[in-house]
Amino acid sequence: MAKVTLDIRSIESALQRALDDAATELLNLYKQAFELVAYTWPNETRRRNSTIAGTSRNKVDLGNLKNSTSVSRQNLTLAFLWSVDYAAIVFFGYTTTAGNSYPGSDWISVAHNIRNPEQAIGGACRAIFN
C-alpha cells in the first residue's frame, strides 16, 4: 500500500497565488467594462471632461469611478470595491425627486460576459498547478 502525504500549506499557498492572478485579470476586466458602450440615452450630454456623450454611451466621464476599482484577498476570498460615493447610484440607477430616471449600468455582468470568473480562476489554477 502506498502512502500519500499532502502539504496543505503548499496547496493553499498555490491557490492564493492563483487567486491573485485571477484577481488581476478580473480587475482589468471590470475597468474595461466601463469603456464599453453599455446603455442608450435619449439626448446628447456635455460631460464634465468637456466631451459630448451621444445617445449610445459608456460610463466613463472623468474616470473616477473606473479608477476607484480595487481588489483585496483575504485567504481564499476576493473582494472587489468601487470606492467613490456614487458607485451604487451608477450601478443600480436612480430616479430624481423631479421624476427623471437614470438607468443603472451593471459593469460587473458586462465583465463576466467577457470572461466568467470561474474560468479566470480555473485558468489561473491550471497555470499554477501545471
N, C-alpha and C. Protein backbone atom coordinates (compact mmCIF):
# COMPACT_ATOMS: atom_id res chain seq x y z
N MET A 1 0.85 -1.17 0.00
CA MET A 1 0.00 0.00 0.00
C MET A 1 0.90 1.24 0.00
N ALA A 2 0.57 2.18 -0.87
CA ALA A 2 1.34 3.43 -0.95
C ALA A 2 0.70 4.48 -0.06
N LYS A 3 1.55 5.24 0.56
CA LYS A 3 1.05 6.32 1.42
C LYS A 3 1.35 7.65 0.75
N VAL A 4 0.34 8.50 0.67
CA VAL A 4 0.47 9.82 0.04
C VAL A 4 0.30 10.88 1.13
N THR A 5 1.23 11.80 1.18
CA THR A 5 1.15 12.89 2.15
C THR A 5 0.99 14.20 1.39
N LEU A 6 0.01 14.95 1.76
CA LEU A 6 -0.23 16.25 1.12
C LEU A 6 0.26 17.37 2.03
N ASP A 7 0.92 18.31 1.42
CA ASP A 7 1.35 19.50 2.14
C ASP A 7 0.27 20.58 1.93
N ILE A 8 -0.67 20.62 2.84
CA ILE A 8 -1.82 21.51 2.71
C ILE A 8 -1.39 22.96 2.62
N ARG A 9 -0.37 23.36 3.36
CA ARG A 9 0.09 24.76 3.31
C ARG A 9 0.60 25.12 1.93
N SER A 10 1.28 24.21 1.27
CA SER A 10 1.76 24.47 -0.09
C SER A 10 0.60 24.59 -1.07
N ILE A 11 -0.39 23.74 -0.90
CA ILE A 11 -1.58 23.80 -1.77
C ILE A 11 -2.31 25.12 -1.57
N GLU A 12 -2.50 25.49 -0.30
CA GLU A 12 -3.19 26.76 -0.02
C GLU A 12 -2.39 27.94 -0.56
N SER A 13 -1.09 27.91 -0.43
CA SER A 13 -0.25 28.99 -0.95
C SER A 13 -0.37 29.08 -2.47
N ALA A 14 -0.39 27.94 -3.14
CA ALA A 14 -0.56 27.93 -4.60
C ALA A 14 -1.93 28.47 -4.99
N LEU A 15 -2.96 28.09 -4.24
CA LEU A 15 -4.30 28.62 -4.52
C LEU A 15 -4.36 30.13 -4.32
N GLN A 16 -3.69 30.63 -3.30
CA GLN A 16 -3.64 32.07 -3.08
C GLN A 16 -2.95 32.79 -4.24
N ARG A 17 -1.86 32.22 -4.75
CA ARG A 17 -1.19 32.81 -5.91
C ARG A 17 -2.11 32.79 -7.13
N ALA A 18 -2.83 31.69 -7.31
CA ALA A 18 -3.77 31.60 -8.44
C ALA A 18 -4.88 32.64 -8.30
N LEU A 19 -5.39 32.81 -7.09
CA LEU A 19 -6.42 33.83 -6.87
C LEU A 19 -5.88 35.23 -7.13
N ASP A 20 -4.65 35.49 -6.73
CA ASP A 20 -4.04 36.80 -7.02
C ASP A 20 -3.98 37.05 -8.52
N ASP A 21 -3.60 36.02 -9.29
CA ASP A 21 -3.54 36.16 -10.75
C ASP A 21 -4.93 36.39 -11.33
N ALA A 22 -5.92 35.62 -10.85
CA ALA A 22 -7.29 35.79 -11.33
C ALA A 22 -7.83 37.15 -10.94
N ALA A 23 -7.49 37.62 -9.76
CA ALA A 23 -7.95 38.93 -9.30
C ALA A 23 -7.45 40.03 -10.22
N THR A 24 -6.20 39.94 -10.63
CA THR A 24 -5.64 40.93 -11.55
C THR A 24 -6.39 40.92 -12.87
N GLU A 25 -6.66 39.73 -13.38
CA GLU A 25 -7.41 39.63 -14.64
C GLU A 25 -8.81 40.21 -14.50
N LEU A 26 -9.51 39.84 -13.43
CA LEU A 26 -10.88 40.34 -13.23
C LEU A 26 -10.89 41.85 -13.00
N LEU A 27 -9.94 42.35 -12.25
CA LEU A 27 -9.85 43.79 -12.01
C LEU A 27 -9.72 44.54 -13.33
N ASN A 28 -8.88 44.04 -14.22
CA ASN A 28 -8.73 44.67 -15.53
C ASN A 28 -10.00 44.57 -16.35
N LEU A 29 -10.71 43.45 -16.25
CA LEU A 29 -11.97 43.30 -16.98
C LEU A 29 -13.04 44.27 -16.47
N TYR A 30 -13.12 44.46 -15.15
CA TYR A 30 -14.10 45.41 -14.60
C TYR A 30 -13.80 46.81 -15.10
N LYS A 31 -12.52 47.18 -15.13
CA LYS A 31 -12.15 48.51 -15.63
C LYS A 31 -12.47 48.63 -17.12
N GLN A 32 -12.22 47.57 -17.87
CA GLN A 32 -12.51 47.57 -19.31
C GLN A 32 -14.01 47.72 -19.56
N ALA A 33 -14.82 47.11 -18.72
CA ALA A 33 -16.27 47.14 -18.91
C ALA A 33 -16.83 48.56 -18.87
N PHE A 34 -16.20 49.45 -18.12
CA PHE A 34 -16.66 50.84 -18.08
C PHE A 34 -16.54 51.51 -19.44
N GLU A 35 -15.56 51.09 -20.23
CA GLU A 35 -15.30 51.70 -21.53
C GLU A 35 -16.27 51.23 -22.61
N LEU A 36 -16.90 50.09 -22.37
CA LEU A 36 -17.80 49.54 -23.38
C LEU A 36 -19.10 50.32 -23.43
N VAL A 37 -19.65 50.43 -24.60
CA VAL A 37 -20.95 51.10 -24.73
C VAL A 37 -21.97 50.21 -24.04
N ALA A 38 -22.54 50.71 -22.96
CA ALA A 38 -23.38 49.86 -22.12
C ALA A 38 -24.85 50.27 -22.08
N TYR A 39 -25.19 51.47 -22.54
CA TYR A 39 -26.59 51.86 -22.48
C TYR A 39 -26.87 52.99 -23.45
N THR A 40 -28.14 53.19 -23.71
CA THR A 40 -28.56 54.28 -24.59
C THR A 40 -29.21 55.37 -23.76
N TRP A 41 -29.16 56.57 -24.30
CA TRP A 41 -29.71 57.74 -23.63
C TRP A 41 -30.39 58.60 -24.70
N PRO A 42 -31.53 59.20 -24.41
CA PRO A 42 -32.27 59.90 -25.46
C PRO A 42 -31.65 61.21 -25.95
N ASN A 43 -30.72 61.77 -25.21
CA ASN A 43 -30.15 63.08 -25.58
C ASN A 43 -28.63 63.04 -25.55
N GLU A 44 -28.04 64.01 -26.22
CA GLU A 44 -26.61 64.23 -26.05
C GLU A 44 -26.39 65.00 -24.76
N THR A 45 -25.25 64.77 -24.13
CA THR A 45 -24.93 65.41 -22.86
C THR A 45 -23.49 65.88 -22.90
N ARG A 46 -23.25 67.09 -22.40
CA ARG A 46 -21.87 67.55 -22.25
C ARG A 46 -21.36 66.99 -20.93
N ARG A 47 -20.28 66.23 -21.01
CA ARG A 47 -19.70 65.64 -19.82
C ARG A 47 -18.80 66.64 -19.12
N ARG A 48 -18.45 66.31 -17.90
CA ARG A 48 -17.57 67.19 -17.11
C ARG A 48 -16.19 67.33 -17.74
N ASN A 49 -15.80 66.33 -18.53
CA ASN A 49 -14.50 66.42 -19.19
C ASN A 49 -14.58 67.20 -20.50
N SER A 50 -15.72 67.82 -20.77
CA SER A 50 -16.00 68.70 -21.92
C SER A 50 -16.33 67.95 -23.21
N THR A 51 -16.33 66.62 -23.21
CA THR A 51 -16.73 65.90 -24.41
C THR A 51 -18.25 65.79 -24.44
N ILE A 52 -18.76 65.46 -25.62
CA ILE A 52 -20.20 65.25 -25.78
C ILE A 52 -20.45 63.74 -25.79
N ALA A 53 -21.33 63.30 -24.91
CA ALA A 53 -21.75 61.90 -24.89
C ALA A 53 -23.01 61.80 -25.74
N GLY A 54 -22.99 60.92 -26.70
CA GLY A 54 -24.13 60.76 -27.60
C GLY A 54 -25.20 59.88 -27.01
N THR A 55 -26.07 59.38 -27.88
CA THR A 55 -27.19 58.57 -27.41
C THR A 55 -26.78 57.15 -27.07
N SER A 56 -25.62 56.71 -27.52
CA SER A 56 -25.06 55.42 -27.15
C SER A 56 -23.75 55.73 -26.44
N ARG A 57 -23.65 55.33 -25.17
CA ARG A 57 -22.51 55.80 -24.37
C ARG A 57 -22.04 54.79 -23.35
N ASN A 58 -20.83 55.07 -22.85
CA ASN A 58 -20.28 54.27 -21.76
C ASN A 58 -20.41 55.07 -20.46
N LYS A 59 -19.86 54.55 -19.40
CA LYS A 59 -19.98 55.18 -18.08
C LYS A 59 -18.76 56.00 -17.68
N VAL A 60 -17.85 56.27 -18.60
CA VAL A 60 -16.63 56.99 -18.23
C VAL A 60 -16.76 58.46 -18.58
N ASP A 61 -16.61 59.32 -17.58
CA ASP A 61 -16.55 60.76 -17.79
C ASP A 61 -15.15 61.20 -17.39
N LEU A 62 -14.93 61.45 -16.14
CA LEU A 62 -13.60 61.81 -15.66
C LEU A 62 -12.77 60.57 -15.32
N GLY A 63 -13.41 59.42 -15.22
CA GLY A 63 -12.71 58.17 -14.92
C GLY A 63 -12.58 57.87 -13.44
N ASN A 64 -13.21 58.68 -12.59
CA ASN A 64 -13.05 58.48 -11.14
C ASN A 64 -13.62 57.15 -10.67
N LEU A 65 -14.80 56.78 -11.17
CA LEU A 65 -15.40 55.51 -10.76
C LEU A 65 -14.54 54.34 -11.25
N LYS A 66 -14.19 54.35 -12.51
CA LYS A 66 -13.35 53.28 -13.08
C LYS A 66 -12.04 53.17 -12.30
N ASN A 67 -11.42 54.29 -12.01
CA ASN A 67 -10.13 54.28 -11.33
C ASN A 67 -10.22 53.99 -9.84
N SER A 68 -11.44 53.98 -9.30
CA SER A 68 -11.61 53.66 -7.88
C SER A 68 -11.68 52.16 -7.64
N THR A 69 -11.62 51.37 -8.71
CA THR A 69 -11.74 49.93 -8.61
C THR A 69 -10.52 49.34 -7.91
N SER A 70 -10.77 48.49 -6.91
CA SER A 70 -9.66 47.82 -6.23
C SER A 70 -10.10 46.41 -5.83
N VAL A 71 -9.12 45.60 -5.49
CA VAL A 71 -9.40 44.24 -5.07
C VAL A 71 -8.50 43.91 -3.89
N SER A 72 -9.03 43.11 -2.97
CA SER A 72 -8.23 42.59 -1.87
C SER A 72 -8.50 41.10 -1.75
N ARG A 73 -7.51 40.40 -1.23
CA ARG A 73 -7.67 38.97 -0.99
C ARG A 73 -7.44 38.69 0.47
N GLN A 74 -8.36 37.98 1.08
CA GLN A 74 -8.22 37.51 2.46
C GLN A 74 -8.28 35.99 2.39
N ASN A 75 -7.15 35.34 2.58
CA ASN A 75 -7.04 33.89 2.44
C ASN A 75 -7.50 33.49 1.04
N LEU A 76 -8.62 32.80 0.92
CA LEU A 76 -9.10 32.35 -0.39
C LEU A 76 -10.36 33.10 -0.83
N THR A 77 -10.51 34.33 -0.36
CA THR A 77 -11.67 35.15 -0.71
C THR A 77 -11.20 36.44 -1.37
N LEU A 78 -11.81 36.77 -2.51
CA LEU A 78 -11.54 38.04 -3.19
C LEU A 78 -12.67 39.01 -2.91
N ALA A 79 -12.33 40.27 -2.70
CA ALA A 79 -13.33 41.32 -2.52
C ALA A 79 -12.98 42.48 -3.45
N PHE A 80 -13.92 42.84 -4.31
CA PHE A 80 -13.74 43.97 -5.23
C PHE A 80 -14.51 45.14 -4.68
N LEU A 81 -13.94 46.34 -4.83
CA LEU A 81 -14.54 47.54 -4.25
C LEU A 81 -14.44 48.69 -5.26
N TRP A 82 -15.51 49.46 -5.34
CA TRP A 82 -15.54 50.71 -6.09
C TRP A 82 -15.77 51.78 -5.05
N SER A 83 -14.76 52.59 -4.79
CA SER A 83 -14.74 53.41 -3.57
C SER A 83 -15.32 54.81 -3.70
N VAL A 84 -15.78 55.22 -4.88
CA VAL A 84 -16.40 56.54 -4.95
C VAL A 84 -17.81 56.46 -4.36
N ASP A 85 -18.26 57.56 -3.77
CA ASP A 85 -19.53 57.53 -3.06
C ASP A 85 -20.75 57.32 -3.96
N TYR A 86 -20.62 57.50 -5.26
CA TYR A 86 -21.76 57.35 -6.17
C TYR A 86 -21.74 56.04 -6.94
N ALA A 87 -20.88 55.10 -6.56
CA ALA A 87 -20.78 53.83 -7.29
C ALA A 87 -22.11 53.09 -7.33
N ALA A 88 -22.81 53.02 -6.22
CA ALA A 88 -24.09 52.30 -6.18
C ALA A 88 -25.14 52.97 -7.06
N ILE A 89 -25.14 54.29 -7.11
CA ILE A 89 -26.09 55.01 -7.95
C ILE A 89 -25.85 54.68 -9.42
N VAL A 90 -24.61 54.66 -9.84
CA VAL A 90 -24.29 54.34 -11.22
C VAL A 90 -24.65 52.88 -11.51
N PHE A 91 -24.36 52.00 -10.59
CA PHE A 91 -24.62 50.58 -10.80
C PHE A 91 -26.12 50.28 -10.86
N PHE A 92 -26.89 50.80 -9.90
CA PHE A 92 -28.31 50.47 -9.81
C PHE A 92 -29.21 51.46 -10.54
N GLY A 93 -28.71 52.67 -10.83
CA GLY A 93 -29.54 53.70 -11.41
C GLY A 93 -30.32 54.43 -10.32
N TYR A 94 -31.02 55.48 -10.72
CA TYR A 94 -31.80 56.22 -9.73
C TYR A 94 -32.83 57.10 -10.42
N THR A 95 -33.78 57.56 -9.63
CA THR A 95 -34.79 58.50 -10.09
C THR A 95 -34.72 59.73 -9.20
N THR A 96 -34.66 60.90 -9.82
CA THR A 96 -34.58 62.15 -9.05
C THR A 96 -35.93 62.47 -8.44
N THR A 97 -35.95 63.42 -7.53
CA THR A 97 -37.22 63.85 -6.93
C THR A 97 -38.13 64.49 -7.97
N ALA A 98 -37.57 64.99 -9.06
CA ALA A 98 -38.37 65.56 -10.16
C ALA A 98 -38.91 64.47 -11.08
N GLY A 99 -38.52 63.21 -10.84
CA GLY A 99 -39.04 62.11 -11.65
C GLY A 99 -38.17 61.70 -12.83
N ASN A 100 -36.99 62.31 -12.97
CA ASN A 100 -36.09 61.91 -14.06
C ASN A 100 -35.38 60.61 -13.67
N SER A 101 -35.44 59.64 -14.57
CA SER A 101 -34.81 58.34 -14.29
C SER A 101 -33.49 58.23 -15.02
N TYR A 102 -32.50 57.70 -14.32
CA TYR A 102 -31.19 57.45 -14.88
C TYR A 102 -30.93 55.95 -14.76
N PRO A 103 -30.66 55.28 -15.90
CA PRO A 103 -30.50 53.82 -15.86
C PRO A 103 -29.23 53.41 -15.15
N GLY A 104 -29.29 52.26 -14.52
CA GLY A 104 -28.10 51.69 -13.91
C GLY A 104 -27.24 51.04 -14.97
N SER A 105 -26.02 50.75 -14.61
CA SER A 105 -25.09 50.11 -15.53
C SER A 105 -24.33 49.02 -14.78
N ASP A 106 -24.68 47.79 -15.08
CA ASP A 106 -24.10 46.63 -14.40
C ASP A 106 -22.79 46.24 -15.07
N TRP A 107 -21.72 46.97 -14.76
CA TRP A 107 -20.42 46.70 -15.37
C TRP A 107 -19.86 45.35 -14.94
N ILE A 108 -20.31 44.83 -13.81
CA ILE A 108 -19.83 43.53 -13.34
C ILE A 108 -20.29 42.42 -14.29
N SER A 109 -21.58 42.42 -14.65
CA SER A 109 -22.08 41.41 -15.59
C SER A 109 -21.45 41.57 -16.97
N VAL A 110 -21.21 42.82 -17.38
CA VAL A 110 -20.55 43.04 -18.67
C VAL A 110 -19.18 42.36 -18.66
N ALA A 111 -18.43 42.55 -17.59
CA ALA A 111 -17.11 41.92 -17.47
C ALA A 111 -17.23 40.40 -17.43
N HIS A 112 -18.22 39.89 -16.70
CA HIS A 112 -18.38 38.44 -16.58
C HIS A 112 -18.82 37.81 -17.90
N ASN A 113 -19.47 38.60 -18.76
CA ASN A 113 -19.81 38.09 -20.10
C ASN A 113 -18.57 37.99 -20.98
N ILE A 114 -17.57 38.79 -20.70
CA ILE A 114 -16.30 38.71 -21.44
C ILE A 114 -15.51 37.49 -20.96
N ARG A 115 -15.44 37.34 -19.65
CA ARG A 115 -14.69 36.22 -19.05
C ARG A 115 -15.35 35.85 -17.74
N ASN A 116 -15.88 34.64 -17.69
CA ASN A 116 -16.53 34.14 -16.49
C ASN A 116 -15.51 34.04 -15.36
N PRO A 117 -15.85 34.50 -14.16
CA PRO A 117 -14.88 34.44 -13.04
C PRO A 117 -14.38 33.02 -12.75
N GLU A 118 -15.27 32.03 -12.87
CA GLU A 118 -14.83 30.65 -12.63
C GLU A 118 -13.79 30.23 -13.66
N GLN A 119 -13.94 30.69 -14.91
CA GLN A 119 -12.95 30.38 -15.93
C GLN A 119 -11.62 31.07 -15.62
N ALA A 120 -11.70 32.33 -15.17
CA ALA A 120 -10.48 33.06 -14.83
C ALA A 120 -9.74 32.37 -13.68
N ILE A 121 -10.48 31.96 -12.66
CA ILE A 121 -9.85 31.28 -11.51
C ILE A 121 -9.34 29.90 -11.92
N GLY A 122 -10.14 29.19 -12.71
CA GLY A 122 -9.71 27.87 -13.18
C GLY A 122 -8.45 27.96 -14.03
N GLY A 123 -8.39 28.94 -14.93
CA GLY A 123 -7.21 29.13 -15.75
C GLY A 123 -5.98 29.46 -14.92
N ALA A 124 -6.18 30.31 -13.92
CA ALA A 124 -5.05 30.68 -13.04
C ALA A 124 -4.58 29.46 -12.24
N CYS A 125 -5.52 28.63 -11.79
CA CYS A 125 -5.13 27.41 -11.06
C CYS A 125 -4.38 26.44 -11.96
N ARG A 126 -4.85 26.27 -13.20
CA ARG A 126 -4.14 25.37 -14.11
C ARG A 126 -2.72 25.87 -14.37
N ALA A 127 -2.57 27.18 -14.50
CA ALA A 127 -1.23 27.75 -14.74
C ALA A 127 -0.30 27.50 -13.54
N ILE A 128 -0.85 27.58 -12.35
CA ILE A 128 -0.02 27.38 -11.14
C ILE A 128 0.30 25.91 -10.93
N PHE A 129 -0.69 25.03 -11.11
CA PHE A 129 -0.51 23.61 -10.76
C PHE A 129 0.07 22.77 -11.88
N ASN A 130 0.20 23.32 -13.08
CA ASN A 130 0.78 22.53 -14.18
C ASN A 130 2.28 22.64 -14.22
